[in-house]
Amino acid sequence: MNDLLASQQDALARARKRSGDLAHSLKTPLTAIRSNGEKLIREGDRSTGQEIVDLSELMESSIRHELLRSKLTPTPDARKSDA
């Protein structure tokens, strides 16, 4: 039973790391996309530029939410110490 729990803890830790790595790797491209939207707005294509900015903000918000969620979800060790 202990081996199974340890295996699940390891899998959860790996999943958290992967989700964090993925979220961080998306931040730079999203910044570039947002920048392009802002450039379109400055150049007069307000509708398209604003849509790009709005969508990039929505994606950034989702990423922040998932990163926060992965950090706040208690690990099995933390749950044991609460008991």
Protein backbone atom coordinates (compact mmCIF):
# COMPACT_ATOMS: atom_id res chain seq x y z
CA MET A 1 0.00 0.00 0.00
CA ASN A 2 2.84 2.37 0.86
CA ASP A 3 4.47 1.72 -2.51
CA LEU A 4 1.21 2.57 -4.28
CA LEU A 5 0.85 5.81 -2.33
CA ALA A 6 4.47 6.74 -2.99
CA SER A 7 3.97 6.05 -6.68
CA GLN A 8 0.89 8.28 -6.75
CA GLN A 9 2.77 11.05 -4.94
CA ASP A 10 5.58 10.85 -7.50
CA ALA A 11 3.10 10.93 -10.39
CA LEU A 12 1.35 13.97 -8.90
CA ALA A 13 4.66 15.78 -8.40
CA ARG A 14 5.65 15.09 -12.02
CA ALA A 15 2.26 16.28 -13.28
CA ARG A 16 2.57 19.51 -11.28
CA LYS A 17 6.03 20.13 -12.66
CA ARG A 18 4.87 19.49 -16.23
CA SER A 19 1.89 21.80 -15.87
CA GLY A 20 4.11 24.51 -14.40
CA ASP A 21 6.67 24.08 -17.18
CA LEU A 22 3.94 24.22 -19.81
CA ALA A 23 2.35 27.31 -18.34
CA HIS A 24 5.68 29.12 -18.15
CA SER A 25 6.55 28.13 -21.72
CA LEU A 26 3.29 29.66 -22.95
CA LYS A 27 3.91 33.04 -21.34
CA THR A 28 6.52 34.27 -23.84
CA PRO A 29 4.53 33.45 -27.00
CA LEU A 30 1.42 34.99 -25.45
CA THR A 31 3.35 38.17 -24.71
CA ALA A 32 4.44 38.32 -28.35
CA ILE A 33 0.87 37.72 -29.54
CA ARG A 34 -0.45 40.46 -27.28
CA SER A 35 2.28 42.79 -28.51
CA ASN A 36 1.23 42.14 -32.10
CA GLY A 37 -2.38 42.92 -31.19
CA GLU A 38 -1.32 46.19 -29.60
CA LYS A 39 0.70 47.03 -32.70
CA LEU A 40 -2.34 46.43 -34.89
CA ILE A 41 -4.34 48.81 -32.70
CA ARG A 42 -1.66 51.50 -33.02
CA GLU A 43 -1.58 51.00 -36.80
CA GLY A 44 -5.33 51.50 -37.11
CA ASP A 45 -6.70 47.93 -37.21
CA ARG A 46 -8.47 48.45 -33.90
CA SER A 47 -11.02 45.63 -34.21
CA THR A 48 -8.58 42.83 -35.01
CA GLY A 49 -5.94 44.16 -32.63
CA GLN A 50 -8.38 44.43 -29.74
CA GLU A 51 -9.67 40.91 -30.37
CA ILE A 52 -6.11 39.57 -30.24
CA VAL A 53 -5.35 41.52 -27.05
CA ASP A 54 -8.58 40.35 -25.40
CA LEU A 55 -7.98 36.70 -26.29
CA SER A 56 -4.35 36.81 -25.14
CA GLU A 57 -5.48 38.31 -21.82
CA LEU A 58 -8.03 35.52 -21.44
CA MET A 59 -5.35 32.90 -22.10
CA GLU A 60 -2.94 34.58 -19.67
CA SER A 61 -5.65 34.62 -17.02
CA SER A 62 -6.29 30.90 -17.53
CA ILE A 63 -2.59 30.16 -17.23
CA ARG A 64 -2.27 32.18 -14.01
CA HIS A 65 -5.32 30.39 -12.61
CA GLU A 66 -3.92 26.93 -13.41
CA LEU A 67 -0.49 27.81 -12.01
CA LEU A 68 -2.05 29.06 -8.80
CA ARG A 69 -4.28 26.00 -8.60
CA SER A 70 -1.34 23.64 -8.98
CA LYS A 71 0.53 25.47 -6.22
CA LEU A 72 -2.42 25.56 -3.83
CA THR A 73 -3.51 21.94 -4.18
CA PRO A 74 -2.16 20.25 -1.07
CA THR A 75 0.27 17.42 -1.50
CA PRO A 76 -0.46 14.11 0.22
CA ASP A 77 2.31 14.92 2.73
CA ALA A 78 0.64 18.24 3.60
CA ARG A 79 -2.70 16.52 4.05
CA LYS A 80 -1.10 14.03 6.46
CA SER A 81 0.36 16.84 8.56
CA ASP A 82 -3.09 18.49 8.82
CA ALA A 83 -4.63 15.33 10.29
